[in-house]
Amino acid sequence: MLTLAEIMETIKMVQEENLDIRTITMGISLRDCADPDPKTACRKIYDKITRLASRLVAVGEEISREYGIPIVHKRISVTPISLIAECSRQEDYLEYALTLDAAAAAVGVNFIGGFSALVHKGFTGGDRILITSIPPALAGTGRVCASVNVATTKAGINMDAVYLMGRVIKETAARTAEQGGLGCAKLVVFSNVPEDNPFMAGAFHGIGEPECTINVGVSGPGVVKNAVARVGNADFGTLAETVKKTAFKITRMGELVGRLAAERLGVPFGIVDLSLAPTPAVGDSVAEILEAMGLERCGTHGTTAALALLNDAVKKGGAMASSYIGGLSGAFIPVSEDAGMIRAAEEGALSLDKLEAMTCVCSVGLDMIAVPGDTSAETIAAIIADEVAIGVINNKTTAVRIIPAPGKKVGDKVIFGGLLGEAPVMAVHPFSAENFVRRGGRIPAPIQSLTN
């Protein structure tokens, strides 16, 4: 039972420290919607999503009112569409993306994820069709998110897929040029992708998941920052313990909301993703947590060590609070969505290379990075290859969400608004990796993959 002191503490976290539930995400299996006739398949998809998620938004708002906890987004993730559409023998899968978008609009959710393909070891015909359908799908819809898994520790890196995604990202940016390349903000390239991630743009409902489930993504960088600031110049052990206890409280609240939502919707509860997810709001920044630890600016020497401490302590606290931790669960470092990261990038403290180094010790990786619009597809592919290599070798999830902003150069800014924020355009290396990424084939799995 919660004590009065704990209740008052939670109220303070919500009112003064930007604590929220970032998302309640309903995962829906579409495996029974596959049909050789694409119109029949799309009708089944629309009907199933609108039936199962009809009360998702209402239940989220109901819980938010009852408990006084902001629930920012309500979302849906579905089975990777490449698996569902493959039997329809279509030349493109735009019709499926439009169906997902219409279903998401009908039930009122913010985003729907699962326009996805899993190609870490190779392509099927449906995988290739889906990937080449991504640019028109993201340009032609408002709520659909896409993801492609190009590598795993067990399989290695599919470099053909990496190179293809470089070209897809460029085309997606071009098709959404009037919005600053916004389509790329809804597209993630993964290594070791989890099947139960509730966060967009990378969410999909994995094939090992149940028919329908509720996954919750919590947040709370502001809460952690204030807790770190209160301990002052305490030693690292005390600092880690403070973060751990704070993460425990945040995660416990997230599981409470998730279980309530699952019960009221009549579906199983899945997992809590305890990732610290920042927003552009002042005081809701992962970068500012690191700076509260004693760094003058995020990105300076010591940043990777500080982030390692933060990420580990968050995981330890969350694991004590819930037996059902999943998704990505760590600390997100999306540049455009974090006021402190934006400031650090604008002041030259934070570079693409430093963000890559930080990936080794945190969740996701190169997230919401804007680069010059004339960056080549080969350079983007090489950036993806570096990032997923970190995931493969370290047996962790890494990801790239990169925006080659049309018409923009280093020093410019791309404004997306809302939770996506604004991204300062960051420099890439001027030297070519074209001959490397064009080799093709698969980088073999590392020796540490042989764990059977």
Protein backbone atom coordinates (compact mmCIF):
# COMPACT_ATOMS: atom_id res chain seq x y z
CA MET A 1 0.00 0.00 0.00
CA LEU A 2 1.24 3.49 -0.83
CA THR A 3 1.97 5.77 2.13
CA LEU A 4 0.80 9.39 2.28
CA ALA A 5 4.40 10.52 1.82
CA GLU A 6 4.74 8.43 -1.36
CA ILE A 7 1.46 9.79 -2.74
CA MET A 8 2.57 13.37 -2.10
CA GLU A 9 5.93 12.62 -3.68
CA THR A 10 4.26 11.30 -6.82
CA ILE A 11 2.02 14.36 -7.04
CA LYS A 12 5.11 16.58 -6.81
CA MET A 13 6.80 14.55 -9.57
CA VAL A 14 3.81 15.10 -11.87
CA GLN A 15 3.24 18.77 -11.07
CA GLU A 16 6.80 20.04 -10.85
CA GLU A 17 9.13 17.53 -12.53
CA ASN A 18 7.38 16.55 -15.80
CA LEU A 19 6.66 12.96 -14.75
CA ASP A 20 4.31 11.24 -17.17
CA ILE A 21 3.38 7.97 -18.80
CA ARG A 22 4.77 8.58 -22.26
CA THR A 23 2.63 5.93 -23.95
CA ILE A 24 0.14 3.15 -23.51
CA THR A 25 0.66 0.96 -26.58
CA MET A 26 -1.72 -1.81 -27.58
CA GLY A 27 -0.01 -4.60 -29.50
CA ILE A 28 -2.28 -6.39 -31.98
CA SER A 29 -1.50 -9.54 -33.95
CA LEU A 30 -2.58 -9.33 -37.59
CA ARG A 31 -1.46 -12.84 -38.51
CA ASP A 32 -5.07 -13.96 -39.08
CA CYS A 33 -5.64 -11.02 -41.46
CA ALA A 34 -3.36 -12.27 -44.26
CA ASP A 35 -5.24 -12.90 -47.49
CA PRO A 36 -4.27 -13.32 -51.18
CA ASP A 37 -6.77 -10.57 -52.00
CA PRO A 38 -5.24 -7.29 -50.70
CA LYS A 39 -8.65 -5.60 -50.36
CA THR A 40 -9.88 -8.45 -48.18
CA ALA A 41 -6.68 -8.35 -46.12
CA CYS A 42 -6.96 -4.59 -45.61
CA ARG A 43 -10.61 -4.89 -44.60
CA LYS A 44 -9.68 -7.56 -42.03
CA ILE A 45 -6.84 -5.37 -40.71
CA TYR A 46 -9.07 -2.31 -40.36
CA ASP A 47 -11.87 -4.26 -38.69
CA LYS A 48 -9.56 -5.99 -36.20
CA ILE A 49 -7.71 -2.84 -35.16
CA THR A 50 -10.86 -0.78 -34.75
CA ARG A 51 -12.55 -3.57 -32.80
CA LEU A 52 -9.74 -4.27 -30.33
CA ALA A 53 -8.57 -0.66 -29.89
CA SER A 54 -11.96 1.04 -29.88
CA ARG A 55 -11.70 1.94 -26.18
CA LEU A 56 -7.92 2.41 -25.89
CA VAL A 57 -7.94 6.22 -25.92
CA ALA A 58 -10.99 6.48 -23.64
CA VAL A 59 -9.46 4.11 -21.08
CA GLY A 60 -6.18 6.01 -21.11
CA GLU A 61 -7.94 9.30 -20.50
CA GLU A 62 -10.08 7.72 -17.80
CA ILE A 63 -7.04 6.45 -15.88
CA SER A 64 -5.28 9.79 -16.31
CA ARG A 65 -8.22 11.64 -14.75
CA GLU A 66 -8.66 9.17 -11.90
CA TYR A 67 -5.01 9.08 -10.83
CA GLY A 68 -3.85 12.53 -11.93
CA ILE A 69 -1.05 11.07 -14.04
CA PRO A 70 -0.55 12.50 -17.55
CA ILE A 71 -0.64 9.84 -20.27
CA VAL A 72 0.85 11.63 -23.25
CA HIS A 73 0.21 9.20 -26.12
CA LYS A 74 -1.97 6.21 -26.88
CA ARG A 75 -0.51 4.07 -29.65
CA ILE A 76 -0.90 0.78 -31.49
CA SER A 77 1.72 -1.67 -32.72
CA VAL A 78 0.94 -4.46 -35.17
CA THR A 79 2.57 -7.53 -36.69
CA PRO A 80 5.21 -6.51 -39.27
CA ILE A 81 3.24 -5.82 -42.41
CA SER A 82 5.81 -7.58 -44.61
CA LEU A 83 4.66 -10.85 -43.03
CA ILE A 84 0.97 -10.12 -43.60
CA ALA A 85 1.07 -8.63 -47.09
CA GLU A 86 3.47 -11.11 -48.66
CA CYS A 87 0.78 -13.51 -49.84
CA SER A 88 -1.13 -10.77 -51.67
CA ARG A 89 1.30 -10.56 -54.61
CA GLN A 90 1.10 -6.76 -54.70
CA GLU A 91 3.80 -4.66 -56.34
CA ASP A 92 3.74 -2.21 -53.44
CA TYR A 93 2.18 -2.10 -49.98
CA LEU A 94 0.93 1.49 -49.90
CA GLU A 95 -2.66 0.28 -49.59
CA TYR A 96 -1.73 -1.46 -46.32
CA ALA A 97 -0.14 1.72 -44.95
CA LEU A 98 -3.24 3.73 -45.83
CA THR A 99 -5.38 1.13 -44.05
CA LEU A 100 -3.26 1.34 -40.91
CA ASP A 101 -3.48 5.13 -41.02
CA ALA A 102 -7.26 5.05 -41.40
CA ALA A 103 -7.67 2.57 -38.54
CA ALA A 104 -5.42 4.67 -36.27
CA ALA A 105 -7.46 7.77 -37.08
CA ALA A 106 -10.73 5.94 -36.45
CA VAL A 107 -9.75 4.94 -32.90
CA GLY A 108 -7.97 8.24 -32.19
CA VAL A 109 -4.44 7.03 -31.41
CA ASN A 110 -1.40 9.21 -32.04
CA PHE A 111 0.70 6.66 -33.96
CA ILE A 112 0.58 3.12 -35.28
CA GLY A 113 3.78 1.13 -35.71
CA GLY A 114 4.46 -2.01 -37.66
CA PHE A 115 5.01 -1.02 -41.28
CA SER A 116 8.09 -3.12 -40.73
CA ALA A 117 10.38 -5.84 -42.04
CA LEU A 118 12.90 -8.16 -40.37
CA VAL A 119 15.78 -8.70 -42.79
CA HIS A 120 18.82 -9.30 -40.58
CA LYS A 121 19.80 -12.42 -42.50
CA GLY A 122 18.25 -11.77 -45.89
CA PHE A 123 15.18 -10.68 -47.84
CA THR A 124 12.01 -12.37 -48.91
CA GLY A 125 10.05 -10.93 -51.80
CA GLY A 126 7.62 -9.30 -49.38
CA ASP A 127 10.44 -7.73 -47.38
CA ARG A 128 11.83 -5.99 -50.46
CA ILE A 129 8.40 -4.74 -51.49
CA LEU A 130 7.72 -3.35 -48.03
CA ILE A 131 11.06 -1.57 -47.80
CA THR A 132 10.67 0.07 -51.20
CA SER A 133 7.12 1.07 -50.17
CA ILE A 134 8.35 2.97 -47.12
CA PRO A 135 8.95 6.38 -48.77
CA PRO A 136 5.46 6.71 -50.32
CA ALA A 137 3.87 5.15 -47.24
CA LEU A 138 5.41 7.65 -44.82
CA ALA A 139 4.83 10.57 -47.19
CA GLY A 140 1.20 9.60 -47.70
CA THR A 141 0.17 8.96 -44.08
CA GLY A 142 0.22 10.95 -40.86
CA ARG A 143 0.28 8.28 -38.13
CA VAL A 144 2.08 5.29 -39.64
CA CYS A 145 5.61 4.47 -38.42
CA ALA A 146 8.08 2.13 -40.08
CA SER A 147 11.06 0.09 -38.93
CA VAL A 148 13.53 -2.37 -40.44
CA ASN A 149 15.78 -4.71 -38.48
CA VAL A 150 19.01 -5.17 -40.46
CA ALA A 151 21.25 -6.98 -37.95
CA THR A 152 21.33 -9.28 -34.95
CA THR A 153 24.13 -10.70 -32.84
CA LYS A 154 23.15 -14.19 -34.00
CA ALA A 155 22.96 -13.40 -37.72
CA GLY A 156 25.44 -10.58 -38.26
CA ILE A 157 24.75 -7.52 -40.43
CA ASN A 158 22.84 -7.65 -43.71
CA MET A 159 24.86 -5.01 -45.57
CA ASP A 160 22.59 -5.22 -48.62
CA ALA A 161 19.76 -4.09 -46.35
CA VAL A 162 21.93 -1.39 -44.78
CA TYR A 163 22.76 0.07 -48.19
CA LEU A 164 19.13 -0.18 -49.31
CA MET A 165 18.01 1.69 -46.17
CA GLY A 166 20.45 4.50 -46.96
CA ARG A 167 18.65 4.99 -50.26
CA VAL A 168 15.20 4.62 -48.69
CA ILE A 169 15.98 7.29 -46.10
CA LYS A 170 17.12 9.69 -48.81
CA GLU A 171 13.96 9.11 -50.84
CA THR A 172 11.75 9.48 -47.76
CA ALA A 173 13.39 12.81 -46.96
CA ALA A 174 12.87 13.99 -50.54
CA ARG A 175 9.19 13.02 -50.54
CA THR A 176 8.61 14.98 -47.30
CA ALA A 177 10.94 17.88 -48.11
CA GLU A 178 8.28 20.51 -47.43
CA GLN A 179 8.12 19.27 -43.82
CA GLY A 180 11.91 19.23 -43.40
CA GLY A 181 12.17 15.51 -44.16
CA LEU A 182 9.60 14.65 -41.50
CA GLY A 183 8.98 11.19 -42.95
CA CYS A 184 12.42 10.11 -41.70
CA ALA A 185 11.35 10.89 -38.13
CA LYS A 186 8.88 8.01 -38.46
CA LEU A 187 11.48 5.49 -39.68
CA VAL A 188 13.97 3.51 -37.56
CA VAL A 189 16.71 1.10 -38.63
CA PHE A 190 17.50 -1.46 -35.90
CA SER A 191 19.89 -4.11 -34.75
CA ASN A 192 18.58 -6.68 -32.23
CA VAL A 193 15.11 -5.16 -32.34
CA PRO A 194 12.82 -6.08 -29.39
CA GLU A 195 9.36 -7.47 -30.11
CA ASP A 196 7.53 -5.56 -27.37
CA ASN A 197 8.81 -1.98 -27.63
CA PRO A 198 5.98 0.51 -26.93
CA PHE A 199 7.89 3.56 -28.21
CA MET A 200 7.60 4.99 -31.70
CA ALA A 201 8.78 5.01 -34.33
CA GLY A 202 10.19 1.52 -33.81
CA ALA A 203 7.25 -0.31 -32.26
CA PHE A 204 5.83 -3.46 -33.80
CA HIS A 205 4.03 -6.51 -32.41
CA GLY A 206 6.47 -9.42 -32.60
CA ILE A 207 5.60 -12.90 -33.77
CA GLY A 208 6.25 -14.28 -30.27
CA GLU A 209 3.69 -11.93 -28.74
CA PRO A 210 0.10 -12.86 -27.78
CA GLU A 211 -3.03 -11.98 -29.74
CA CYS A 212 -3.32 -8.61 -28.04
CA THR A 213 -1.43 -6.97 -25.18
CA ILE A 214 -0.77 -3.68 -23.41
CA ASN A 215 2.77 -2.35 -23.10
CA VAL A 216 3.61 0.87 -21.25
CA GLY A 217 6.43 3.33 -21.77
CA VAL A 218 7.24 5.50 -18.75
CA SER A 219 9.29 8.64 -18.66
CA GLY A 220 10.71 10.97 -16.04
CA PRO A 221 14.05 12.65 -16.89
CA GLY A 222 12.94 15.68 -14.90
CA VAL A 223 12.36 13.57 -11.80
CA VAL A 224 15.78 11.93 -12.09
CA LYS A 225 17.48 15.28 -12.73
CA ASN A 226 16.01 16.81 -9.58
CA ALA A 227 16.97 13.75 -7.53
CA VAL A 228 20.56 13.98 -8.83
CA ALA A 229 20.68 17.70 -8.08
CA ARG A 230 19.51 17.11 -4.50
CA VAL A 231 22.44 14.81 -3.66
CA GLY A 232 24.92 17.53 -4.65
CA ASN A 233 28.54 16.39 -4.73
CA ALA A 234 27.91 12.95 -3.25
CA ASP A 235 30.16 10.10 -4.38
CA PHE A 236 29.28 7.87 -7.33
CA GLY A 237 27.86 5.08 -5.18
CA THR A 238 25.39 7.47 -3.58
CA LEU A 239 24.60 8.97 -6.96
CA ALA A 240 23.84 5.56 -8.47
CA GLU A 241 21.70 4.58 -5.50
CA THR A 242 19.70 7.80 -5.83
CA VAL A 243 18.98 7.16 -9.51
CA LYS A 244 18.10 3.54 -8.79
CA LYS A 245 15.54 4.45 -6.11
CA THR A 246 14.01 7.11 -8.33
CA ALA A 247 13.69 4.69 -11.25
CA PHE A 248 12.00 2.21 -8.89
CA LYS A 249 9.25 4.74 -8.10
CA ILE A 250 8.75 5.73 -11.74
CA THR A 251 8.54 2.11 -12.90
CA ARG A 252 6.10 1.11 -10.17
CA MET A 253 3.76 3.89 -11.29
CA GLY A 254 4.10 2.74 -14.91
CA GLU A 255 3.18 -0.85 -14.07
CA LEU A 256 0.15 0.33 -12.06
CA VAL A 257 -1.15 2.27 -15.08
CA GLY A 258 -0.38 -0.58 -17.47
CA ARG A 259 -2.16 -3.20 -15.40
CA LEU A 260 -5.20 -0.94 -14.94
CA ALA A 261 -5.40 -0.33 -18.68
CA ALA A 262 -5.02 -4.03 -19.48
CA GLU A 263 -7.72 -5.00 -16.98
CA ARG A 264 -10.20 -2.43 -18.27
CA LEU A 265 -9.55 -3.36 -21.89
CA GLY A 266 -9.75 -7.08 -21.17
CA VAL A 267 -6.33 -7.96 -22.61
CA PRO A 268 -3.10 -9.26 -21.01
CA PHE A 269 -0.57 -6.87 -19.53
CA GLY A 270 2.77 -7.10 -21.32
CA ILE A 271 5.74 -5.05 -20.15
CA VAL A 272 6.92 -1.74 -18.77
CA ASP A 273 9.60 -0.03 -20.84
CA LEU A 274 11.38 2.10 -18.27
CA SER A 275 13.35 4.22 -20.76
CA LEU A 276 14.00 7.81 -19.76
CA ALA A 277 12.31 9.50 -22.72
CA PRO A 278 12.99 13.25 -22.92
CA THR A 279 10.90 16.00 -24.50
CA PRO A 280 11.81 19.47 -25.75
CA ALA A 281 10.25 20.91 -22.57
CA VAL A 282 12.65 22.68 -20.22
CA GLY A 283 13.56 20.39 -17.32
CA ASP A 284 12.65 17.16 -19.12
CA SER A 285 16.08 16.34 -20.52
CA VAL A 286 18.47 13.40 -20.26
CA ALA A 287 21.33 15.75 -21.17
CA GLU A 288 20.50 17.89 -18.14
CA ILE A 289 20.73 14.82 -15.88
CA LEU A 290 24.29 14.28 -17.10
CA GLU A 291 25.07 17.94 -16.57
CA ALA A 292 23.62 17.76 -13.04
CA MET A 293 26.21 15.05 -12.37
CA GLY A 294 28.96 17.61 -12.92
CA LEU A 295 29.49 17.96 -16.68
CA GLU A 296 29.60 21.53 -17.93
CA ARG A 297 27.89 20.43 -21.12
CA CYS A 298 26.61 17.09 -22.40
CA GLY A 299 29.11 15.75 -24.94
CA THR A 300 32.25 16.78 -23.12
CA HIS A 301 34.78 14.24 -21.81
CA GLY A 302 33.13 12.11 -19.13
CA THR A 303 29.73 12.06 -20.83
CA THR A 304 29.88 8.37 -21.75
CA ALA A 305 30.82 7.39 -18.19
CA ALA A 306 28.01 9.51 -16.74
CA LEU A 307 25.51 7.97 -19.17
CA ALA A 308 26.73 4.46 -18.29
CA LEU A 309 26.06 5.11 -14.61
CA LEU A 310 22.61 6.55 -15.38
CA ASN A 311 21.55 3.73 -17.68
CA ASP A 312 22.69 0.98 -15.34
CA ALA A 313 21.05 2.53 -12.29
CA VAL A 314 17.77 3.02 -14.18
CA LYS A 315 17.74 -0.65 -15.20
CA LYS A 316 18.52 -1.85 -11.66
CA GLY A 317 15.78 0.28 -10.11
CA GLY A 318 13.24 -0.70 -12.73
CA ALA A 319 14.03 -4.41 -12.43
CA MET A 320 13.39 -4.22 -8.68
CA ALA A 321 10.04 -2.51 -9.27
CA SER A 322 8.62 -4.92 -11.84
CA SER A 323 9.21 -8.46 -13.04
CA TYR A 324 7.95 -7.51 -16.49
CA ILE A 325 10.54 -5.10 -17.88
CA GLY A 326 10.92 -5.11 -21.64
CA GLY A 327 11.14 -3.00 -24.76
CA LEU A 328 14.25 -0.84 -24.86
CA SER A 329 14.49 0.13 -21.16
CA GLY A 330 17.34 2.56 -20.63
CA ALA A 331 18.03 6.18 -21.45
CA PHE A 332 17.08 7.71 -24.79
CA ILE A 333 19.31 10.35 -26.38
CA PRO A 334 17.22 11.78 -29.26
CA VAL A 335 18.83 15.08 -30.19
CA SER A 336 15.78 16.96 -31.47
CA GLU A 337 13.57 15.79 -28.58
CA ASP A 338 15.87 16.85 -25.75
CA ALA A 339 16.41 20.55 -24.94
CA GLY A 340 19.82 19.84 -23.39
CA MET A 341 20.98 17.79 -26.37
CA ILE A 342 19.86 20.54 -28.75
CA ARG A 343 21.84 23.13 -26.77
CA ALA A 344 24.92 20.92 -26.62
CA ALA A 345 24.82 20.28 -30.37
CA GLU A 346 24.35 23.96 -31.17
CA GLU A 347 27.32 24.90 -28.96
CA GLY A 348 29.57 22.28 -30.55
CA ALA A 349 29.87 20.10 -27.45
CA LEU A 350 27.99 17.19 -29.00
CA SER A 351 29.03 15.57 -32.27
CA LEU A 352 27.85 12.58 -34.27
CA ASP A 353 30.96 10.67 -33.18
CA LYS A 354 30.26 11.34 -29.49
CA LEU A 355 26.66 10.22 -29.87
CA GLU A 356 27.92 7.00 -31.45
CA ALA A 357 30.22 6.45 -28.46
CA MET A 358 27.33 7.10 -26.05
CA THR A 359 25.34 4.40 -27.85
CA CYS A 360 27.65 1.77 -26.38
CA VAL A 361 26.16 2.34 -22.92
CA CYS A 362 22.53 3.41 -23.50
CA SER A 363 19.36 2.57 -25.39
CA VAL A 364 18.69 3.00 -29.08
CA GLY A 365 21.54 5.20 -30.41
CA LEU A 366 21.65 7.82 -33.14
CA ASP A 367 18.14 9.09 -32.62
CA MET A 368 16.48 12.09 -34.31
CA ILE A 369 19.74 13.29 -35.85
CA ALA A 370 19.52 15.88 -38.63
CA VAL A 371 22.36 15.93 -41.15
CA PRO A 372 22.90 18.06 -44.27
CA GLY A 373 20.42 17.43 -47.06
CA ASP A 374 23.19 16.63 -49.54
CA THR A 375 24.51 13.75 -47.40
CA SER A 376 24.75 10.75 -49.72
CA ALA A 377 22.85 7.50 -49.36
CA GLU A 378 26.23 5.76 -49.02
CA THR A 379 27.25 7.95 -46.08
CA ILE A 380 23.91 7.34 -44.38
CA ALA A 381 24.36 3.59 -44.94
CA ALA A 382 27.84 3.76 -43.40
CA ILE A 383 26.44 5.59 -40.34
CA ILE A 384 23.83 2.85 -39.99
CA ALA A 385 26.52 0.17 -40.34
CA ASP A 386 28.61 1.71 -37.55
CA GLU A 387 25.63 1.95 -35.25
CA VAL A 388 24.29 -1.57 -35.77
CA ALA A 389 27.82 -2.97 -35.42
CA ILE A 390 27.84 -1.64 -31.85
CA GLY A 391 24.60 -3.50 -31.21
CA VAL A 392 25.78 -6.73 -32.79
CA ILE A 393 29.11 -6.87 -30.98
CA ASN A 394 27.66 -5.83 -27.62
CA ASN A 395 24.51 -7.97 -27.92
CA LYS A 396 22.20 -5.00 -27.40
CA THR A 397 19.59 -3.04 -29.30
CA THR A 398 20.85 -0.07 -31.28
CA ALA A 399 19.03 2.03 -33.83
CA VAL A 400 19.31 4.92 -36.25
CA ARG A 401 16.68 7.58 -36.87
CA ILE A 402 18.44 10.05 -39.12
CA ILE A 403 17.04 12.92 -41.20
CA PRO A 404 18.99 14.22 -44.21
CA ALA A 405 17.16 17.57 -44.10
CA PRO A 406 16.47 18.73 -47.67
CA GLY A 407 18.11 22.05 -48.49
CA LYS A 408 19.75 22.35 -45.06
CA LYS A 409 23.43 22.62 -44.18
CA VAL A 410 25.47 22.43 -40.96
CA GLY A 411 24.36 25.12 -38.54
CA ASP A 412 20.80 25.27 -39.86
CA LYS A 413 17.84 24.02 -37.86
CA VAL A 414 14.89 21.79 -38.76
CA ILE A 415 11.71 22.41 -36.77
CA PHE A 416 9.24 19.53 -36.43
CA GLY A 417 7.20 20.71 -33.43
CA GLY A 418 5.51 18.75 -30.65
CA LEU A 419 7.44 15.89 -29.06
CA LEU A 420 9.70 15.73 -32.13
CA GLY A 421 11.12 19.18 -31.31
CA GLU A 422 13.76 20.83 -33.47
CA ALA A 423 17.04 19.45 -34.75
CA PRO A 424 20.26 21.37 -35.35
CA VAL A 425 21.90 20.06 -38.52
CA MET A 426 25.06 18.18 -37.51
CA ALA A 427 28.22 17.60 -39.53
CA VAL A 428 29.13 14.26 -41.09
CA HIS A 429 32.61 13.21 -42.16
CA PRO A 430 33.50 14.47 -45.65
CA PHE A 431 35.36 11.29 -46.66
CA SER A 432 33.55 8.62 -48.66
CA ALA A 433 32.62 5.12 -47.50
CA GLU A 434 30.96 4.28 -50.81
CA ASN A 435 33.30 1.45 -51.78
CA PHE A 436 32.82 -0.12 -48.37
CA VAL A 437 29.01 -0.12 -48.23
CA ARG A 438 28.70 -1.24 -51.86
CA ARG A 439 30.53 -4.54 -51.22
CA GLY A 440 27.23 -6.25 -50.46
CA GLY A 441 26.61 -9.50 -48.65
CA ARG A 442 26.53 -10.07 -44.92
CA ILE A 443 29.05 -9.21 -42.22
CA PRO A 444 29.22 -12.51 -40.30
CA ALA A 445 27.98 -12.89 -36.76
CA PRO A 446 30.64 -12.32 -34.10
CA ILE A 447 32.19 -15.20 -32.14
CA GLN A 448 30.19 -14.25 -29.04
CA SER A 449 27.04 -15.26 -30.92
CA LEU A 450 27.98 -18.93 -30.43
CA THR A 451 26.24 -19.33 -27.09
CA ASN A 452 24.16 -22.45 -27.82
